[in-house]
N, C-alpha and C. Protein backbone atom coordinates (compact mmCIF):
# COMPACT_ATOMS: atom_id res chain seq x y z
N UNK A 1 -121.90 131.18 -26.30
CA UNK A 1 -121.72 130.65 -24.55
C UNK A 1 -120.41 129.43 -24.69
N UNK A 2 -119.86 129.06 -23.70
CA UNK A 2 -119.26 127.73 -23.43
C UNK A 2 -119.57 127.27 -22.13
N UNK A 3 -119.97 126.15 -21.89
CA UNK A 3 -120.17 124.98 -21.04
C UNK A 3 -119.57 124.53 -20.72
N UNK A 4 -118.90 124.63 -19.62
CA UNK A 4 -117.74 123.49 -19.18
C UNK A 4 -118.91 122.74 -18.45
N UNK A 5 -117.94 121.01 -18.63
CA UNK A 5 -118.19 119.83 -18.41
C UNK A 5 -116.95 118.98 -17.70
N UNK A 6 -116.98 118.13 -17.07
CA UNK A 6 -115.78 117.66 -16.61
C UNK A 6 -116.09 116.09 -16.35
N UNK A 7 -115.30 115.36 -16.93
CA UNK A 7 -115.38 113.83 -17.12
C UNK A 7 -114.18 113.74 -15.51
N UNK A 8 -115.46 112.48 -14.68
CA UNK A 8 -114.65 112.37 -13.44
C UNK A 8 -114.42 110.78 -13.27
N UNK A 9 -113.45 110.46 -12.85
CA UNK A 9 -113.16 108.79 -12.73
C UNK A 9 -112.58 108.64 -11.17
N UNK A 10 -112.96 107.64 -10.49
CA UNK A 10 -112.09 106.83 -9.28
C UNK A 10 -111.53 105.68 -9.80
N UNK A 11 -110.02 105.17 -9.18
CA UNK A 11 -109.70 104.15 -9.29
C UNK A 11 -109.66 103.95 -7.53
N UNK A 12 -110.01 102.93 -7.06
CA UNK A 12 -110.06 102.45 -5.60
C UNK A 12 -109.52 100.88 -5.29
N UNK A 13 -109.81 100.96 -4.41
CA UNK A 13 -109.31 99.46 -3.60
C UNK A 13 -109.93 98.44 -3.72
N UNK A 14 -111.44 98.99 -4.32
CA UNK A 14 -112.08 97.84 -4.06
C UNK A 14 -113.80 98.31 -4.73
N UNK A 15 -114.84 97.76 -4.48
CA UNK A 15 -116.34 98.03 -4.71
C UNK A 15 -116.98 98.57 -3.92
N UNK A 16 -116.98 98.84 -2.56
CA UNK A 16 -117.45 99.21 -1.36
C UNK A 16 -117.24 100.43 -1.27
N UNK A 17 -118.31 101.25 -1.55
CA UNK A 17 -118.59 102.71 -1.44
C UNK A 17 -118.38 103.47 -0.03
N UNK A 18 -118.40 102.19 1.24
CA UNK A 18 -118.29 102.51 2.60
C UNK A 18 -116.89 102.52 3.45
N UNK A 19 -116.32 101.08 2.65
CA UNK A 19 -114.96 100.76 2.78
C UNK A 19 -113.63 100.99 2.36
N UNK A 20 -114.17 101.08 1.10
CA UNK A 20 -113.02 101.10 -0.24
C UNK A 20 -112.22 102.89 0.19
N UNK A 21 -110.91 102.39 -0.31
CA UNK A 21 -110.46 104.30 -0.27
C UNK A 21 -109.87 104.13 -2.12
N UNK A 22 -109.73 105.88 -2.23
CA UNK A 22 -109.61 105.98 -3.77
C UNK A 22 -107.37 106.29 -3.84
N UNK A 23 -107.46 105.48 -4.71
CA UNK A 23 -106.22 105.47 -5.29
C UNK A 23 -105.49 105.81 -6.43
N UNK A 24 -106.76 106.95 -7.28
CA UNK A 24 -106.65 107.60 -8.55
C UNK A 24 -107.62 108.30 -8.58
N UNK A 25 -107.44 109.60 -9.20
CA UNK A 25 -108.84 110.63 -9.28
C UNK A 25 -108.20 110.94 -10.82
N UNK A 26 -109.22 111.19 -11.68
CA UNK A 26 -108.94 111.94 -12.54
C UNK A 26 -109.93 112.75 -13.23
N UNK A 27 -109.65 114.22 -13.37
CA UNK A 27 -110.94 115.09 -13.54
C UNK A 27 -110.34 115.77 -14.77
N UNK A 28 -111.14 115.46 -15.87
CA UNK A 28 -110.46 116.50 -17.27
C UNK A 28 -111.98 117.30 -17.42
N UNK A 29 -111.77 118.43 -17.71
CA UNK A 29 -112.69 119.36 -17.59
C UNK A 29 -112.39 120.33 -19.10
N UNK A 30 -113.65 120.37 -19.96
CA UNK A 30 -113.47 120.58 -21.37
C UNK A 30 -114.96 121.41 -21.61
N UNK A 31 -114.49 122.15 -22.71
CA UNK A 31 -115.57 122.85 -23.31
C UNK A 31 -116.65 121.54 -24.25
N UNK A 32 -118.31 121.92 -23.85
CA UNK A 32 -118.81 120.72 -24.39
C UNK A 32 -118.65 120.82 -25.71
N UNK A 33 -119.09 122.78 -25.91
CA UNK A 33 -119.62 122.76 -27.49
C UNK A 33 -118.12 122.59 -28.83
N UNK A 34 -117.22 122.46 -28.00
CA UNK A 34 -115.80 122.79 -29.10
C UNK A 34 -115.22 121.18 -28.58
N UNK A 35 -115.23 120.70 -27.57
CA UNK A 35 -114.13 119.58 -27.21
C UNK A 35 -113.31 119.56 -26.63
N UNK A 36 -112.86 121.48 -26.55
CA UNK A 36 -111.32 121.75 -26.37
C UNK A 36 -111.52 121.34 -24.73
N UNK A 37 -110.36 121.04 -24.29
CA UNK A 37 -109.80 120.62 -23.04
C UNK A 37 -109.30 121.57 -22.40
N UNK A 38 -109.70 121.99 -21.19
CA UNK A 38 -109.36 123.27 -20.25
C UNK A 38 -107.99 123.02 -18.88
N UNK A 39 -108.71 121.61 -18.85
CA UNK A 39 -108.12 121.10 -17.57
C UNK A 39 -107.73 119.76 -17.35
N UNK A 40 -106.45 119.48 -17.45
CA UNK A 40 -106.86 117.60 -16.78
C UNK A 40 -105.82 117.66 -15.00
N UNK A 41 -106.35 117.29 -14.32
CA UNK A 41 -106.40 116.81 -13.20
C UNK A 41 -106.41 115.45 -12.93
N UNK A 42 -104.77 114.96 -12.64
CA UNK A 42 -104.47 113.60 -12.64
C UNK A 42 -103.74 113.58 -11.25
N UNK A 43 -104.29 112.72 -10.22
CA UNK A 43 -103.44 112.56 -8.91
C UNK A 43 -103.53 110.76 -8.49
N UNK A 44 -102.36 110.31 -8.29
CA UNK A 44 -102.51 108.88 -7.66
C UNK A 44 -102.30 109.78 -6.20
N UNK A 45 -103.15 108.82 -5.56
CA UNK A 45 -103.47 108.70 -3.78
C UNK A 45 -103.15 107.83 -2.68
N UNK A 46 -102.29 108.06 -1.77
CA UNK A 46 -101.88 106.60 -0.74
C UNK A 46 -103.28 106.18 0.49
N UNK A 47 -103.90 105.47 0.03
CA UNK A 47 -105.53 105.08 0.60
C UNK A 47 -104.78 104.50 1.95
N UNK A 48 -104.00 104.55 2.26
CA UNK A 48 -103.60 104.29 3.56
C UNK A 48 -103.67 102.81 3.94
N UNK A 49 -104.30 101.86 2.69
CA UNK A 49 -104.73 100.64 3.26
C UNK A 49 -104.03 99.74 1.85
N UNK A 50 -104.21 98.66 2.33
CA UNK A 50 -103.64 97.83 1.31
C UNK A 50 -104.47 97.33 0.04
N UNK A 51 -104.15 96.98 -1.60
CA UNK A 51 -104.43 97.42 -2.78
C UNK A 51 -104.46 95.81 -2.57
N UNK A 52 -105.51 95.10 -2.83
CA UNK A 52 -105.87 93.53 -2.92
C UNK A 52 -105.48 93.33 -4.42
N UNK A 53 -104.73 92.34 -4.53
CA UNK A 53 -104.11 91.79 -5.92
C UNK A 53 -105.21 91.51 -7.29
N UNK A 54 -106.30 91.26 -6.38
CA UNK A 54 -107.37 91.21 -7.53
C UNK A 54 -107.75 92.48 -8.13
N UNK A 55 -107.88 93.71 -7.23
CA UNK A 55 -108.47 94.94 -7.68
C UNK A 55 -107.08 95.40 -8.57
N UNK A 56 -105.71 95.29 -8.06
CA UNK A 56 -104.40 95.68 -8.69
C UNK A 56 -104.40 94.88 -10.48
N UNK A 57 -104.85 93.82 -10.55
CA UNK A 57 -105.24 92.95 -11.91
C UNK A 57 -106.44 94.11 -12.75
N UNK A 58 -107.34 94.76 -12.02
CA UNK A 58 -108.41 95.33 -13.08
C UNK A 58 -107.05 96.85 -13.53
N UNK A 59 -106.81 98.13 -12.77
CA UNK A 59 -106.26 99.18 -12.54
C UNK A 59 -104.62 98.99 -12.88
N UNK A 60 -104.28 98.15 -12.13
CA UNK A 60 -102.37 98.02 -12.65
C UNK A 60 -101.79 98.79 -11.45
N UNK A 61 -102.59 99.72 -10.37
CA UNK A 61 -102.04 100.61 -9.13
C UNK A 61 -101.67 99.36 -8.07
N UNK A 62 -100.70 99.18 -7.23
CA UNK A 62 -100.40 98.40 -6.29
C UNK A 62 -99.38 99.69 -5.05
N UNK A 63 -99.20 99.04 -4.34
CA UNK A 63 -99.05 99.64 -2.92
C UNK A 63 -98.21 100.18 -3.35
N UNK A 64 -96.67 100.10 -3.89
CA UNK A 64 -95.46 100.75 -4.28
C UNK A 64 -96.26 101.94 -5.16
N UNK A 65 -97.03 101.86 -5.97
CA UNK A 65 -97.24 103.16 -6.81
C UNK A 65 -97.89 104.21 -5.45
N UNK A 66 -98.39 103.90 -4.93
CA UNK A 66 -98.92 105.34 -4.49
C UNK A 66 -98.37 105.60 -2.54
N UNK A 67 -96.99 104.65 -2.43
CA UNK A 67 -96.67 104.44 -1.03
C UNK A 67 -95.89 105.96 -0.98
N UNK A 68 -95.69 106.45 -1.94
CA UNK A 68 -95.30 108.25 -1.74
C UNK A 68 -96.21 108.81 -1.79
N UNK A 69 -97.56 109.35 -2.30
CA UNK A 69 -98.39 109.48 -3.12
C UNK A 69 -98.87 110.50 -1.96
N UNK A 70 -99.82 111.53 -1.88
CA UNK A 70 -100.36 111.78 -0.94
C UNK A 70 -102.02 111.55 -0.39
N UNK A 71 -102.15 111.55 0.89
CA UNK A 71 -103.09 110.66 1.64
C UNK A 71 -104.62 111.65 0.68
N UNK A 72 -105.82 111.37 0.74
CA UNK A 72 -106.95 111.76 0.31
C UNK A 72 -106.84 113.24 1.13
N UNK A 73 -106.63 113.15 2.00
CA UNK A 73 -107.39 114.43 3.00
C UNK A 73 -106.05 115.22 2.69
N UNK A 74 -105.51 115.61 1.71
CA UNK A 74 -104.41 116.02 1.33
C UNK A 74 -104.63 116.63 -0.34
N UNK A 75 -105.17 115.88 -0.83
CA UNK A 75 -105.83 116.49 -1.90
C UNK A 75 -107.02 116.57 -2.01
N UNK A 76 -108.13 116.15 -1.12
CA UNK A 76 -109.53 116.95 -1.17
C UNK A 76 -109.87 118.25 -1.06
N UNK A 77 -109.39 119.31 -0.49
CA UNK A 77 -109.70 120.37 -0.68
C UNK A 77 -109.47 121.27 -2.39
N UNK A 78 -108.27 120.73 -2.66
CA UNK A 78 -108.48 121.19 -4.28
C UNK A 78 -108.97 120.63 -5.36
N UNK A 79 -109.21 119.41 -4.97
CA UNK A 79 -110.37 118.61 -5.55
C UNK A 79 -112.43 119.18 -5.85
N UNK A 80 -112.43 119.14 -4.39
CA UNK A 80 -113.63 119.90 -4.14
C UNK A 80 -113.87 121.21 -4.89
N UNK A 81 -112.54 122.21 -4.50
CA UNK A 81 -112.18 123.34 -5.36
C UNK A 81 -112.59 122.78 -6.82
N UNK A 82 -112.20 122.28 -7.68
CA UNK A 82 -112.20 121.82 -8.51
C UNK A 82 -113.77 121.22 -9.38
N UNK A 83 -114.17 120.53 -8.38
CA UNK A 83 -115.21 119.76 -8.72
C UNK A 83 -116.59 121.26 -8.95
N UNK A 84 -116.60 122.21 -7.88
CA UNK A 84 -117.06 123.23 -8.14
C UNK A 84 -117.32 124.16 -9.52
N UNK A 85 -115.99 123.84 -9.96
CA UNK A 85 -116.04 124.82 -10.83
C UNK A 85 -116.91 124.46 -12.53
N UNK A 86 -117.63 123.41 -12.49
CA UNK A 86 -117.72 122.92 -13.64
C UNK A 86 -119.28 122.82 -13.36
N UNK A 87 -120.23 122.91 -14.84
CA UNK A 87 -121.46 122.60 -14.41
C UNK A 87 -121.90 121.61 -14.36
N UNK A 88 -121.49 120.60 -14.96
CA UNK A 88 -121.52 119.04 -15.05
C UNK A 88 -120.61 118.01 -15.16
N UNK A 89 -120.73 117.30 -14.13
CA UNK A 89 -119.90 115.92 -13.91
C UNK A 89 -120.33 114.80 -14.84
N UNK A 90 -119.50 114.36 -15.79
CA UNK A 90 -120.02 113.63 -16.62
C UNK A 90 -118.78 112.07 -16.56
N UNK A 91 -119.69 110.80 -15.58
CA UNK A 91 -118.78 109.83 -15.58
C UNK A 91 -119.59 108.27 -15.92
N UNK A 92 -118.83 107.54 -16.26
CA UNK A 92 -119.66 105.53 -16.60
C UNK A 92 -119.96 105.67 -15.01
N UNK A 93 -120.72 105.08 -14.42
CA UNK A 93 -121.43 104.46 -13.31
C UNK A 93 -121.52 105.70 -11.87
N UNK A 94 -121.33 106.95 -12.46
CA UNK A 94 -120.65 107.70 -11.21
C UNK A 94 -121.81 107.73 -10.48
N UNK A 95 -123.18 108.16 -10.87
CA UNK A 95 -124.32 107.90 -9.58
C UNK A 95 -124.25 107.05 -8.93
N UNK A 96 -123.96 106.00 -8.89
CA UNK A 96 -123.73 104.52 -8.14
C UNK A 96 -122.57 104.30 -7.49
N UNK A 97 -121.67 104.88 -8.23
CA UNK A 97 -120.16 104.70 -7.26
C UNK A 97 -119.44 105.49 -7.03
N UNK A 98 -118.56 106.19 -8.28
CA UNK A 98 -118.22 107.52 -8.08
C UNK A 98 -118.05 108.37 -6.81
N UNK A 99 -119.24 109.13 -6.81
CA UNK A 99 -120.14 110.31 -6.25
C UNK A 99 -120.05 109.77 -5.25
N UNK A 100 -120.96 109.03 -4.61
CA UNK A 100 -121.25 107.99 -3.21
C UNK A 100 -119.81 107.83 -2.49
N UNK A 101 -118.80 107.19 -3.15
CA UNK A 101 -117.36 106.55 -2.61
C UNK A 101 -116.70 108.05 -2.31
N UNK A 102 -116.81 109.11 -3.32
CA UNK A 102 -116.35 110.31 -3.22
C UNK A 102 -116.62 111.16 -1.79
N UNK A 103 -118.24 111.11 -1.94
CA UNK A 103 -118.81 111.38 -0.46
C UNK A 103 -118.27 111.39 0.89
N UNK A 104 -118.31 109.90 0.63
CA UNK A 104 -117.90 109.22 2.12
C UNK A 104 -116.76 109.30 2.32
N UNK A 105 -115.35 109.56 1.31
CA UNK A 105 -114.54 109.81 1.78
C UNK A 105 -114.23 111.07 2.04
N UNK A 106 -115.07 112.15 1.83
CA UNK A 106 -115.03 113.40 2.11
C UNK A 106 -115.48 113.65 3.78
N UNK A 107 -115.89 113.32 4.02
CA UNK A 107 -116.67 113.02 5.19
C UNK A 107 -116.17 112.08 6.35
N UNK A 108 -115.35 111.10 5.74
CA UNK A 108 -114.25 110.42 6.36
C UNK A 108 -113.43 111.07 6.91
N UNK A 109 -112.49 112.45 5.94
CA UNK A 109 -111.65 113.28 6.45
C UNK A 109 -111.83 114.43 6.93
N UNK A 110 -113.36 114.69 6.88
CA UNK A 110 -113.89 115.88 7.53
C UNK A 110 -113.63 116.74 6.57
N UNK A 111 -114.26 116.63 5.44
CA UNK A 111 -114.23 118.36 4.58
C UNK A 111 -115.55 118.20 4.05
N UNK A 112 -116.12 119.11 3.72
CA UNK A 112 -117.21 119.58 3.78
C UNK A 112 -117.76 119.18 1.89
N UNK A 113 -118.61 118.02 2.12
CA UNK A 113 -118.77 118.42 0.56
C UNK A 113 -119.77 119.02 0.08
N UNK A 114 -119.09 119.72 -0.97
CA UNK A 114 -120.06 121.08 -1.60
C UNK A 114 -121.46 120.85 -2.40
N UNK A 115 -121.85 121.25 -2.70
CA UNK A 115 -123.42 120.72 -3.62
C UNK A 115 -122.57 120.42 -5.04
N UNK A 116 -122.40 119.39 -5.39
CA UNK A 116 -121.62 118.95 -6.73
C UNK A 116 -122.59 119.64 -7.60
N UNK A 117 -121.99 119.75 -8.67
CA UNK A 117 -122.66 119.99 -10.12
C UNK A 117 -123.63 118.74 -10.25
N UNK A 118 -124.85 119.14 -10.98
CA UNK A 118 -125.06 117.87 -11.88
C UNK A 118 -124.47 117.24 -12.51
N UNK A 119 -124.92 115.95 -12.17
CA UNK A 119 -124.36 114.31 -12.40
C UNK A 119 -124.43 113.82 -13.75
N UNK A 120 -124.14 113.38 -14.50
CA UNK A 120 -124.82 112.42 -16.03
C UNK A 120 -123.66 111.08 -16.36
N UNK A 121 -124.82 110.06 -15.92
CA UNK A 121 -123.92 109.15 -15.72
C UNK A 121 -124.29 108.40 -17.14
N UNK A 122 -123.43 107.85 -18.06
CA UNK A 122 -123.30 107.44 -19.07
C UNK A 122 -123.57 106.12 -19.28
N UNK A 123 -123.44 105.15 -18.03
CA UNK A 123 -123.87 103.78 -18.02
C UNK A 123 -125.45 103.76 -17.83
N UNK A 124 -126.09 104.26 -16.46
CA UNK A 124 -127.53 104.43 -16.92
C UNK A 124 -127.84 104.62 -18.39
N UNK A 125 -127.48 106.18 -18.56
CA UNK A 125 -128.40 107.02 -19.81
C UNK A 125 -127.90 106.35 -20.92
N UNK A 126 -127.21 105.26 -21.13
CA UNK A 126 -126.30 104.83 -22.18
C UNK A 126 -127.11 103.33 -22.77
N UNK A 127 -128.06 102.76 -21.91
CA UNK A 127 -129.17 101.93 -22.53
C UNK A 127 -129.62 102.43 -24.10
N UNK A 128 -129.88 103.27 -24.24
CA UNK A 128 -130.40 103.58 -25.50
C UNK A 128 -129.33 103.78 -26.79
N UNK A 129 -127.96 103.46 -26.26
CA UNK A 129 -127.50 103.26 -27.36
C UNK A 129 -126.71 101.54 -27.68
N UNK A 130 -127.41 100.70 -26.99
CA UNK A 130 -126.95 99.48 -27.31
C UNK A 130 -128.34 98.87 -28.10
N UNK A 131 -127.64 97.58 -28.74
CA UNK A 131 -128.97 96.94 -29.38
C UNK A 131 -130.20 96.65 -28.38
N UNK A 132 -129.61 95.88 -27.15
CA UNK A 132 -130.80 95.46 -26.20
C UNK A 132 -131.19 95.78 -25.07
N UNK A 133 -130.61 97.15 -25.47
CA UNK A 133 -131.12 98.14 -24.05
C UNK A 133 -130.62 97.70 -22.57
N UNK A 134 -129.18 97.02 -22.79
CA UNK A 134 -128.78 96.84 -21.46
C UNK A 134 -128.01 97.87 -20.87
N UNK A 135 -127.54 97.73 -19.82
CA UNK A 135 -126.67 98.89 -19.60
C UNK A 135 -125.32 98.52 -20.04
N UNK A 136 -124.77 99.39 -20.80
CA UNK A 136 -123.44 99.35 -21.34
C UNK A 136 -122.02 99.59 -20.48
N UNK A 137 -121.24 98.43 -20.96
CA UNK A 137 -119.79 98.80 -20.48
C UNK A 137 -119.49 99.84 -21.03
N UNK A 138 -118.23 100.27 -20.71
CA UNK A 138 -118.03 101.64 -21.25
C UNK A 138 -117.00 101.43 -22.45
N UNK A 139 -116.65 100.36 -22.78
CA UNK A 139 -116.35 100.07 -24.04
C UNK A 139 -117.27 99.74 -24.93
N UNK A 140 -118.48 99.17 -24.34
CA UNK A 140 -119.88 98.65 -25.54
C UNK A 140 -120.27 100.57 -25.59
N UNK A 141 -120.30 101.24 -24.90
CA UNK A 141 -120.47 102.68 -24.94
C UNK A 141 -120.06 103.43 -26.40
N UNK A 142 -118.70 102.96 -26.25
CA UNK A 142 -117.55 103.97 -27.01
C UNK A 142 -117.65 103.27 -28.31
N UNK A 143 -117.94 102.27 -28.28
CA UNK A 143 -118.23 101.19 -29.37
C UNK A 143 -119.78 101.72 -30.27
N UNK A 144 -120.81 101.71 -29.48
CA UNK A 144 -121.85 102.18 -30.07
C UNK A 144 -121.79 103.37 -30.65
N UNK A 145 -121.47 104.21 -29.58
CA UNK A 145 -121.21 105.46 -30.51
C UNK A 145 -119.83 105.95 -31.04
N UNK A 146 -119.48 105.09 -31.67
CA UNK A 146 -118.06 105.03 -32.76
C UNK A 146 -117.12 106.07 -32.25
N UNK A 147 -116.59 105.74 -30.84
CA UNK A 147 -115.71 106.40 -29.97
C UNK A 147 -114.49 105.43 -30.31
N UNK A 148 -113.31 106.01 -30.24
CA UNK A 148 -111.95 104.48 -30.32
C UNK A 148 -111.78 104.57 -28.92
N UNK A 149 -111.75 103.29 -28.18
CA UNK A 149 -111.55 102.48 -27.05
C UNK A 149 -110.42 101.40 -27.17
N UNK A 150 -109.89 101.41 -26.31
CA UNK A 150 -108.63 100.36 -26.57
C UNK A 150 -108.88 99.67 -25.25
N UNK A 151 -109.19 98.43 -24.75
CA UNK A 151 -109.47 97.22 -23.57
C UNK A 151 -108.21 97.36 -22.62
N UNK A 152 -106.79 97.55 -23.40
CA UNK A 152 -105.54 97.41 -23.09
C UNK A 152 -105.53 98.46 -22.20
N UNK A 153 -105.98 99.57 -22.01
CA UNK A 153 -105.19 101.00 -21.74
C UNK A 153 -106.82 101.27 -21.02
N UNK A 154 -107.78 100.51 -20.73
CA UNK A 154 -108.62 100.57 -19.98
C UNK A 154 -108.67 100.84 -18.00
N UNK A 155 -109.41 100.87 -17.57
CA UNK A 155 -109.27 101.38 -16.40
C UNK A 155 -108.26 101.94 -15.74
N UNK A 156 -107.49 102.52 -17.14
CA UNK A 156 -106.94 103.80 -16.09
C UNK A 156 -107.44 105.28 -16.17
N UNK A 157 -107.69 106.02 -15.26
CA UNK A 157 -108.86 106.86 -14.83
C UNK A 157 -108.84 107.85 -15.65
N UNK A 158 -107.92 108.78 -16.34
CA UNK A 158 -107.43 109.91 -17.34
C UNK A 158 -107.99 108.80 -18.38
N UNK A 159 -107.51 107.90 -18.94
CA UNK A 159 -108.13 107.02 -20.00
C UNK A 159 -109.29 107.55 -20.21
N UNK A 160 -110.16 106.25 -18.54
CA UNK A 160 -111.32 106.02 -18.91
C UNK A 160 -112.47 107.27 -19.30
N UNK A 161 -111.77 108.31 -18.41
CA UNK A 161 -112.70 109.85 -18.30
C UNK A 161 -112.04 110.41 -20.09
N UNK A 162 -111.54 110.04 -20.80
CA UNK A 162 -111.17 111.24 -22.13
C UNK A 162 -112.03 110.02 -22.52
N UNK A 163 -112.11 108.63 -22.60
CA UNK A 163 -112.78 108.26 -23.64
C UNK A 163 -114.34 108.68 -23.20
N UNK A 164 -114.66 108.85 -22.07
CA UNK A 164 -116.26 109.21 -21.39
C UNK A 164 -116.58 109.91 -21.97
N UNK A 165 -116.27 111.52 -22.26
CA UNK A 165 -116.16 112.75 -22.48
C UNK A 165 -116.15 112.33 -24.39
N UNK A 166 -115.19 111.71 -25.02
CA UNK A 166 -115.62 111.88 -25.92
C UNK A 166 -117.00 111.04 -26.74
N UNK A 167 -117.53 109.84 -25.86
CA UNK A 167 -118.42 109.36 -25.95
C UNK A 167 -119.97 110.17 -25.71
N UNK A 168 -119.69 110.71 -24.78
CA UNK A 168 -120.97 111.59 -24.13
C UNK A 168 -121.11 112.95 -25.07
N UNK A 169 -119.93 113.32 -25.62
CA UNK A 169 -120.28 114.59 -26.74
C UNK A 169 -120.56 113.90 -27.68
N UNK A 170 -120.17 112.42 -28.73
CA UNK A 170 -120.75 112.17 -29.69
C UNK A 170 -122.61 111.77 -29.24
N UNK A 171 -122.50 111.08 -28.17
CA UNK A 171 -123.61 110.95 -27.62
C UNK A 171 -124.92 112.68 -27.93
N UNK A 172 -124.42 113.40 -27.15
CA UNK A 172 -125.15 114.66 -27.14
C UNK A 172 -125.32 115.41 -28.78
N UNK A 173 -124.10 115.42 -29.23
CA UNK A 173 -124.14 115.65 -30.24
C UNK A 173 -125.29 115.02 -31.47
N UNK A 174 -125.88 114.02 -31.30
CA UNK A 174 -126.66 112.93 -32.61
C UNK A 174 -127.70 113.03 -31.73
N UNK A 175 -127.72 113.56 -30.32
CA UNK A 175 -129.56 113.99 -29.87
C UNK A 175 -129.76 112.41 -28.95
N UNK A 176 -128.91 111.54 -28.48
CA UNK A 176 -128.65 110.36 -28.16
C UNK A 176 -128.87 110.54 -26.52
N UNK A 177 -128.50 111.57 -26.17
CA UNK A 177 -128.21 111.91 -24.76
C UNK A 177 -129.04 113.33 -24.24
N UNK A 178 -129.50 113.79 -23.59
CA UNK A 178 -129.82 114.98 -23.34
C UNK A 178 -129.91 115.01 -22.13
N UNK A 179 -129.54 116.17 -21.78
CA UNK A 179 -128.94 116.72 -20.65
C UNK A 179 -129.79 117.94 -20.17
N UNK A 180 -130.95 117.66 -18.60
CA UNK A 180 -132.00 118.84 -17.96
C UNK A 180 -130.69 120.16 -18.21
N UNK A 181 -131.57 120.99 -18.66
CA UNK A 181 -130.70 122.56 -18.27
C UNK A 181 -129.83 122.58 -19.44
N UNK A 182 -129.25 121.59 -20.24
CA UNK A 182 -128.57 121.97 -21.56
C UNK A 182 -129.36 121.49 -22.73
N UNK A 183 -129.11 122.61 -23.77
CA UNK A 183 -129.68 122.83 -24.89
C UNK A 183 -129.14 121.55 -25.95
N UNK A 184 -129.78 120.89 -26.93
CA UNK A 184 -129.23 120.13 -27.70
C UNK A 184 -128.24 120.77 -28.68
N UNK A 185 -127.48 119.78 -29.20
CA UNK A 185 -126.38 120.35 -29.89
C UNK A 185 -127.08 120.75 -31.07
N UNK A 186 -127.63 120.21 -31.54
CA UNK A 186 -128.86 120.63 -32.71
C UNK A 186 -129.96 121.83 -32.43
N UNK A 187 -130.18 122.37 -31.07
CA UNK A 187 -130.25 123.49 -30.98
C UNK A 187 -129.37 124.60 -31.17
N UNK A 188 -127.75 124.24 -30.37
CA UNK A 188 -127.34 125.24 -30.77
C UNK A 188 -126.66 125.47 -32.02
N UNK A 189 -126.39 124.87 -33.10
CA UNK A 189 -126.07 124.34 -34.12
C UNK A 189 -127.55 125.66 -34.69
N UNK A 190 -128.53 125.29 -34.85
CA UNK A 190 -129.48 126.06 -35.70
C UNK A 190 -129.75 127.75 -35.21
N UNK A 191 -128.98 128.17 -33.97
CA UNK A 191 -129.07 128.98 -33.48
C UNK A 191 -128.14 129.81 -34.02
N UNK A 192 -126.65 129.23 -33.75
CA UNK A 192 -125.30 129.66 -35.08
C UNK A 192 -125.55 130.68 -35.54
């Protein structure tokens, strides 16, 4: 049996889920059991508003980079279709940030939000991977799970997704991450 999961990340104009807009989306679909990548979706989006310099310093995407990009309204139907094809969305801060912002954006452009697949937030669930039980940054989570992470490449949506998926798979393989409805890796190995 193959379980399709998707790593998901957004880069935006800021941190306010009700006011800020998406400037980049990344979705990588992979087979959980094998780690084989099945699909990579990367899209820059014109947010229809200025990207503040402080935000550009974080993700490196400026107004000129998205000036000729499609609007979110143009991208939304295809993105919703892709999201509906996976069993589990994995993201770092996906519960408190990415999914609420995405839902707000879908409402804003008049696209019906589907019932999203189950979501696993590696930031919230990663506390057990840190020495002091704190909520880890993506870099701290990757370090704790012996997953490569380069801070110089961080905050690029696809890079963050790939790092996060690697960390998630590693955590699932060693039993650090338990996902309701998904058999632990040890059970799958024993059944094989």
